[in-house]
Amino acid sequence: YSGAALFVLPSLYEGFGLPVLEAMACGVPVACSNTSSLPEVAGAHAALLFDPTNVDEIAAVIARALTEPGLLNHLRNQAQPRANEFTWQRTADQTRLAYRYALGQA
């Protein structure tokens, strides 16, 4: 990921969106689908979103990212902090809470 100018993920369905977080953790700007879990994972200001069924929109987002002055730097600056919000410790804590809730111990 580290050598990429932009990571693009035109996915119709993602269970979680680890490729987006992997790219962000490397400081790579992201453009991804506005479907499934991806908008939540990418965050409101850390990625560009597009309709994965609209080829013209995907092309326009890529062109915008590569030509709009300062946009890649903005996304790059947002990427790693966003990825840092997702940790395995946080995942474990939230899973434990979900089990406690399911067992009526919340």
N, C-alpha and C. Protein backbone atom coordinates (compact mmCIF):
# COMPACT_ATOMS: atom_id res chain seq x y z
N TYR A 1 0.81 -1.20 0.00
CA TYR A 1 0.00 0.00 0.00
C TYR A 1 0.86 1.27 0.00
N SER A 2 1.98 1.22 0.65
CA SER A 2 2.76 2.43 0.93
C SER A 2 3.19 3.19 -0.32
N GLY A 3 3.34 2.52 -1.43
CA GLY A 3 3.76 3.20 -2.65
C GLY A 3 2.62 3.76 -3.48
N ALA A 4 1.39 3.53 -3.03
CA ALA A 4 0.22 3.96 -3.81
C ALA A 4 -0.07 5.44 -3.62
N ALA A 5 -0.48 6.09 -4.69
CA ALA A 5 -0.95 7.48 -4.58
C ALA A 5 -2.36 7.49 -3.99
N LEU A 6 -3.14 6.45 -4.30
CA LEU A 6 -4.53 6.37 -3.86
C LEU A 6 -4.94 4.90 -3.84
N PHE A 7 -5.60 4.46 -2.78
CA PHE A 7 -6.15 3.12 -2.70
C PHE A 7 -7.63 3.20 -3.06
N VAL A 8 -8.06 2.42 -4.05
CA VAL A 8 -9.44 2.45 -4.52
C VAL A 8 -10.06 1.08 -4.30
N LEU A 9 -11.21 1.05 -3.60
CA LEU A 9 -11.90 -0.22 -3.33
C LEU A 9 -13.35 -0.12 -3.79
N PRO A 10 -13.61 -0.54 -5.06
CA PRO A 10 -14.98 -0.51 -5.58
C PRO A 10 -15.70 -1.82 -5.26
N SER A 11 -16.05 -1.99 -4.01
CA SER A 11 -16.64 -3.24 -3.54
C SER A 11 -18.15 -3.11 -3.41
N LEU A 12 -18.85 -4.17 -3.78
CA LEU A 12 -20.30 -4.19 -3.60
C LEU A 12 -20.68 -4.61 -2.18
N TYR A 13 -19.82 -5.42 -1.55
CA TYR A 13 -20.09 -5.87 -0.19
C TYR A 13 -18.79 -6.14 0.54
N GLU A 14 -18.67 -5.62 1.73
CA GLU A 14 -17.53 -5.88 2.61
C GLU A 14 -18.07 -6.26 3.97
N GLY A 15 -17.53 -7.30 4.55
CA GLY A 15 -17.95 -7.67 5.89
C GLY A 15 -17.53 -6.64 6.92
N PHE A 16 -16.32 -6.14 6.80
CA PHE A 16 -15.85 -5.11 7.72
C PHE A 16 -15.12 -3.99 7.01
N GLY A 17 -14.18 -4.29 6.17
CA GLY A 17 -13.44 -3.25 5.48
C GLY A 17 -11.98 -3.18 5.86
N LEU A 18 -11.39 -4.33 6.18
CA LEU A 18 -9.97 -4.33 6.56
C LEU A 18 -9.05 -3.74 5.49
N PRO A 19 -9.29 -3.96 4.19
CA PRO A 19 -8.39 -3.34 3.20
C PRO A 19 -8.34 -1.82 3.32
N VAL A 20 -9.46 -1.19 3.63
CA VAL A 20 -9.49 0.26 3.82
C VAL A 20 -8.62 0.64 5.01
N LEU A 21 -8.77 -0.06 6.12
CA LEU A 21 -7.96 0.25 7.31
C LEU A 21 -6.49 -0.03 7.09
N GLU A 22 -6.17 -1.09 6.35
CA GLU A 22 -4.77 -1.39 6.06
C GLU A 22 -4.13 -0.25 5.27
N ALA A 23 -4.84 0.22 4.25
CA ALA A 23 -4.31 1.34 3.46
C ALA A 23 -4.16 2.57 4.33
N MET A 24 -5.17 2.88 5.13
CA MET A 24 -5.11 4.06 5.99
C MET A 24 -3.97 3.96 7.00
N ALA A 25 -3.76 2.77 7.54
CA ALA A 25 -2.68 2.58 8.51
C ALA A 25 -1.32 2.87 7.88
N CYS A 26 -1.22 2.71 6.56
CA CYS A 26 0.02 3.03 5.84
C CYS A 26 0.06 4.48 5.40
N GLY A 27 -0.99 5.24 5.74
CA GLY A 27 -1.03 6.65 5.37
C GLY A 27 -1.43 6.89 3.93
N VAL A 28 -2.09 5.92 3.32
CA VAL A 28 -2.49 6.04 1.92
C VAL A 28 -3.91 6.59 1.84
N PRO A 29 -4.13 7.60 1.01
CA PRO A 29 -5.48 8.12 0.81
C PRO A 29 -6.39 7.04 0.24
N VAL A 30 -7.67 7.08 0.60
CA VAL A 30 -8.61 6.03 0.22
C VAL A 30 -9.82 6.62 -0.49
N ALA A 31 -10.25 5.91 -1.54
CA ALA A 31 -11.54 6.13 -2.18
C ALA A 31 -12.22 4.76 -2.19
N CYS A 32 -13.44 4.70 -1.67
CA CYS A 32 -14.10 3.41 -1.58
C CYS A 32 -15.60 3.54 -1.77
N SER A 33 -16.24 2.40 -1.88
CA SER A 33 -17.68 2.33 -2.07
C SER A 33 -18.43 2.96 -0.91
N ASN A 34 -19.59 3.48 -1.23
CA ASN A 34 -20.45 4.07 -0.21
C ASN A 34 -21.49 3.05 0.29
N THR A 35 -21.15 1.78 0.17
CA THR A 35 -22.06 0.70 0.54
C THR A 35 -21.49 -0.14 1.68
N SER A 36 -22.35 -0.97 2.23
CA SER A 36 -21.96 -1.93 3.25
C SER A 36 -21.34 -1.21 4.45
N SER A 37 -20.29 -1.76 4.99
CA SER A 37 -19.65 -1.20 6.18
C SER A 37 -18.62 -0.12 5.85
N LEU A 38 -18.31 0.07 4.59
CA LEU A 38 -17.19 0.94 4.22
C LEU A 38 -17.33 2.39 4.64
N PRO A 39 -18.48 3.04 4.49
CA PRO A 39 -18.56 4.44 4.95
C PRO A 39 -18.30 4.58 6.45
N GLU A 40 -18.77 3.62 7.23
CA GLU A 40 -18.56 3.67 8.68
C GLU A 40 -17.09 3.46 9.02
N VAL A 41 -16.46 2.53 8.34
CA VAL A 41 -15.04 2.25 8.60
C VAL A 41 -14.18 3.41 8.12
N ALA A 42 -14.46 3.91 6.93
CA ALA A 42 -13.63 4.98 6.35
C ALA A 42 -13.78 6.29 7.10
N GLY A 43 -14.92 6.55 7.67
CA GLY A 43 -15.12 7.79 8.39
C GLY A 43 -15.61 8.89 7.47
N ALA A 44 -16.19 9.89 8.08
CA ALA A 44 -16.83 10.97 7.33
C ALA A 44 -15.86 11.84 6.54
N HIS A 45 -14.63 12.01 7.02
CA HIS A 45 -13.71 12.95 6.39
C HIS A 45 -12.37 12.31 6.00
N ALA A 46 -12.27 10.99 6.15
CA ALA A 46 -10.98 10.35 5.91
C ALA A 46 -10.89 9.63 4.57
N ALA A 47 -11.98 9.61 3.80
CA ALA A 47 -11.96 8.93 2.51
C ALA A 47 -12.98 9.57 1.57
N LEU A 48 -12.79 9.31 0.30
CA LEU A 48 -13.77 9.70 -0.70
C LEU A 48 -14.66 8.49 -0.97
N LEU A 49 -15.95 8.72 -1.08
CA LEU A 49 -16.89 7.62 -1.28
C LEU A 49 -17.55 7.73 -2.65
N PHE A 50 -17.93 6.59 -3.21
CA PHE A 50 -18.59 6.56 -4.51
C PHE A 50 -19.53 5.36 -4.58
N ASP A 51 -20.45 5.43 -5.54
CA ASP A 51 -21.37 4.33 -5.83
C ASP A 51 -20.60 3.29 -6.64
N PRO A 52 -20.43 2.07 -6.11
CA PRO A 52 -19.62 1.08 -6.82
C PRO A 52 -20.26 0.54 -8.10
N THR A 53 -21.52 0.88 -8.34
CA THR A 53 -22.17 0.43 -9.57
C THR A 53 -22.13 1.49 -10.66
N ASN A 54 -21.53 2.64 -10.35
CA ASN A 54 -21.50 3.75 -11.29
C ASN A 54 -20.06 4.01 -11.73
N VAL A 55 -19.69 3.48 -12.87
CA VAL A 55 -18.31 3.59 -13.37
C VAL A 55 -17.90 5.04 -13.57
N ASP A 56 -18.81 5.86 -14.07
CA ASP A 56 -18.48 7.27 -14.29
C ASP A 56 -18.18 7.97 -12.96
N GLU A 57 -18.95 7.65 -11.93
CA GLU A 57 -18.71 8.26 -10.61
C GLU A 57 -17.37 7.80 -10.03
N ILE A 58 -17.05 6.53 -10.19
CA ILE A 58 -15.76 6.02 -9.71
C ILE A 58 -14.62 6.76 -10.41
N ALA A 59 -14.72 6.89 -11.73
CA ALA A 59 -13.69 7.59 -12.50
C ALA A 59 -13.58 9.04 -12.07
N ALA A 60 -14.71 9.69 -11.82
CA ALA A 60 -14.70 11.10 -11.41
C ALA A 60 -14.04 11.27 -10.04
N VAL A 61 -14.31 10.35 -9.12
CA VAL A 61 -13.71 10.44 -7.79
C VAL A 61 -12.20 10.23 -7.88
N ILE A 62 -11.78 9.27 -8.67
CA ILE A 62 -10.33 9.04 -8.84
C ILE A 62 -9.67 10.27 -9.47
N ALA A 63 -10.28 10.80 -10.51
CA ALA A 63 -9.73 12.00 -11.17
C ALA A 63 -9.67 13.17 -10.20
N ARG A 64 -10.72 13.35 -9.42
CA ARG A 64 -10.74 14.44 -8.43
C ARG A 64 -9.60 14.27 -7.43
N ALA A 65 -9.44 13.05 -6.92
CA ALA A 65 -8.40 12.80 -5.92
C ALA A 65 -7.01 13.10 -6.47
N LEU A 66 -6.79 12.76 -7.72
CA LEU A 66 -5.46 12.90 -8.31
C LEU A 66 -5.18 14.29 -8.87
N THR A 67 -6.21 15.13 -8.99
CA THR A 67 -5.99 16.45 -9.60
C THR A 67 -6.33 17.63 -8.70
N GLU A 68 -7.18 17.44 -7.71
CA GLU A 68 -7.57 18.56 -6.85
C GLU A 68 -6.44 18.90 -5.89
N PRO A 69 -5.92 20.10 -5.96
CA PRO A 69 -4.79 20.47 -5.10
C PRO A 69 -5.10 20.28 -3.61
N GLY A 70 -4.22 19.61 -2.94
CA GLY A 70 -4.33 19.44 -1.50
C GLY A 70 -5.22 18.30 -1.03
N LEU A 71 -6.02 17.73 -1.93
CA LEU A 71 -6.96 16.69 -1.49
C LEU A 71 -6.25 15.43 -1.02
N LEU A 72 -5.25 14.96 -1.76
CA LEU A 72 -4.52 13.76 -1.33
C LEU A 72 -3.83 13.99 0.01
N ASN A 73 -3.26 15.17 0.19
CA ASN A 73 -2.61 15.45 1.48
C ASN A 73 -3.63 15.48 2.61
N HIS A 74 -4.80 16.06 2.37
CA HIS A 74 -5.86 16.07 3.38
C HIS A 74 -6.25 14.64 3.76
N LEU A 75 -6.48 13.81 2.75
CA LEU A 75 -6.86 12.42 3.02
C LEU A 75 -5.75 11.66 3.72
N ARG A 76 -4.52 11.91 3.30
CA ARG A 76 -3.36 11.25 3.92
C ARG A 76 -3.27 11.63 5.40
N ASN A 77 -3.52 12.89 5.71
CA ASN A 77 -3.46 13.35 7.10
C ASN A 77 -4.58 12.77 7.96
N GLN A 78 -5.70 12.44 7.34
CA GLN A 78 -6.83 11.86 8.06
C GLN A 78 -6.72 10.34 8.19
N ALA A 79 -5.97 9.71 7.30
CA ALA A 79 -5.95 8.25 7.18
C ALA A 79 -5.46 7.54 8.44
N GLN A 80 -4.26 7.84 8.87
CA GLN A 80 -3.69 7.09 9.98
C GLN A 80 -4.44 7.31 11.30
N PRO A 81 -4.81 8.55 11.63
CA PRO A 81 -5.61 8.72 12.86
C PRO A 81 -6.91 7.92 12.82
N ARG A 82 -7.55 7.85 11.64
CA ARG A 82 -8.78 7.07 11.54
C ARG A 82 -8.49 5.59 11.75
N ALA A 83 -7.46 5.08 11.13
CA ALA A 83 -7.10 3.67 11.30
C ALA A 83 -6.76 3.36 12.75
N ASN A 84 -6.15 4.30 13.43
CA ASN A 84 -5.76 4.08 14.83
C ASN A 84 -6.95 3.94 15.77
N GLU A 85 -8.13 4.36 15.32
CA GLU A 85 -9.33 4.21 16.14
C GLU A 85 -9.78 2.75 16.24
N PHE A 86 -9.29 1.91 15.34
CA PHE A 86 -9.67 0.50 15.31
C PHE A 86 -8.51 -0.35 15.82
N THR A 87 -8.64 -0.84 17.04
CA THR A 87 -7.60 -1.67 17.64
C THR A 87 -8.19 -3.03 18.00
N TRP A 88 -7.31 -4.01 18.13
CA TRP A 88 -7.78 -5.34 18.55
C TRP A 88 -8.28 -5.30 19.98
N GLN A 89 -7.70 -4.45 20.82
CA GLN A 89 -8.18 -4.33 22.20
C GLN A 89 -9.61 -3.79 22.22
N ARG A 90 -9.87 -2.79 21.43
CA ARG A 90 -11.23 -2.23 21.35
C ARG A 90 -12.21 -3.28 20.82
N THR A 91 -11.77 -4.05 19.82
CA THR A 91 -12.61 -5.12 19.29
C THR A 91 -12.94 -6.14 20.37
N ALA A 92 -11.94 -6.54 21.13
CA ALA A 92 -12.16 -7.51 22.21
C ALA A 92 -13.10 -6.94 23.27
N ASP A 93 -12.90 -5.69 23.64
CA ASP A 93 -13.76 -5.06 24.65
C ASP A 93 -15.21 -5.00 24.19
N GLN A 94 -15.42 -4.61 22.94
CA GLN A 94 -16.78 -4.51 22.43
C GLN A 94 -17.43 -5.88 22.25
N THR A 95 -16.65 -6.88 21.89
CA THR A 95 -17.17 -8.24 21.79
C THR A 95 -17.60 -8.74 23.16
N ARG A 96 -16.78 -8.49 24.16
CA ARG A 96 -17.11 -8.90 25.54
C ARG A 96 -18.40 -8.23 25.98
N LEU A 97 -18.55 -6.93 25.70
CA LEU A 97 -19.77 -6.22 26.07
C LEU A 97 -21.00 -6.77 25.35
N ALA A 98 -20.83 -7.15 24.10
CA ALA A 98 -21.95 -7.72 23.34
C ALA A 98 -22.38 -9.05 23.94
N TYR A 99 -21.42 -9.88 24.34
CA TYR A 99 -21.76 -11.15 24.99
C TYR A 99 -22.46 -10.90 26.33
N ARG A 100 -21.97 -9.95 27.09
CA ARG A 100 -22.60 -9.64 28.37
C ARG A 100 -24.03 -9.17 28.17
N TYR A 101 -24.23 -8.34 27.15
CA TYR A 101 -25.58 -7.84 26.85
C TYR A 101 -26.49 -9.01 26.46
N ALA A 102 -25.98 -9.91 25.59
CA ALA A 102 -26.76 -11.06 25.13
C ALA A 102 -27.13 -11.98 26.29
N LEU A 103 -26.28 -12.04 27.29
CA LEU A 103 -26.54 -12.89 28.46
C LEU A 103 -27.35 -12.17 29.54
N GLY A 104 -27.72 -10.93 29.26
CA GLY A 104 -28.51 -10.16 30.22
C GLY A 104 -27.68 -9.63 31.38
N GLN A 105 -26.40 -9.48 31.19
CA GLN A 105 -25.51 -9.00 32.26
C GLN A 105 -24.99 -7.60 31.98
N ALA A 106 -25.63 -6.89 31.08
CA ALA A 106 -25.14 -5.56 30.72
C ALA A 106 -25.42 -4.54 31.77
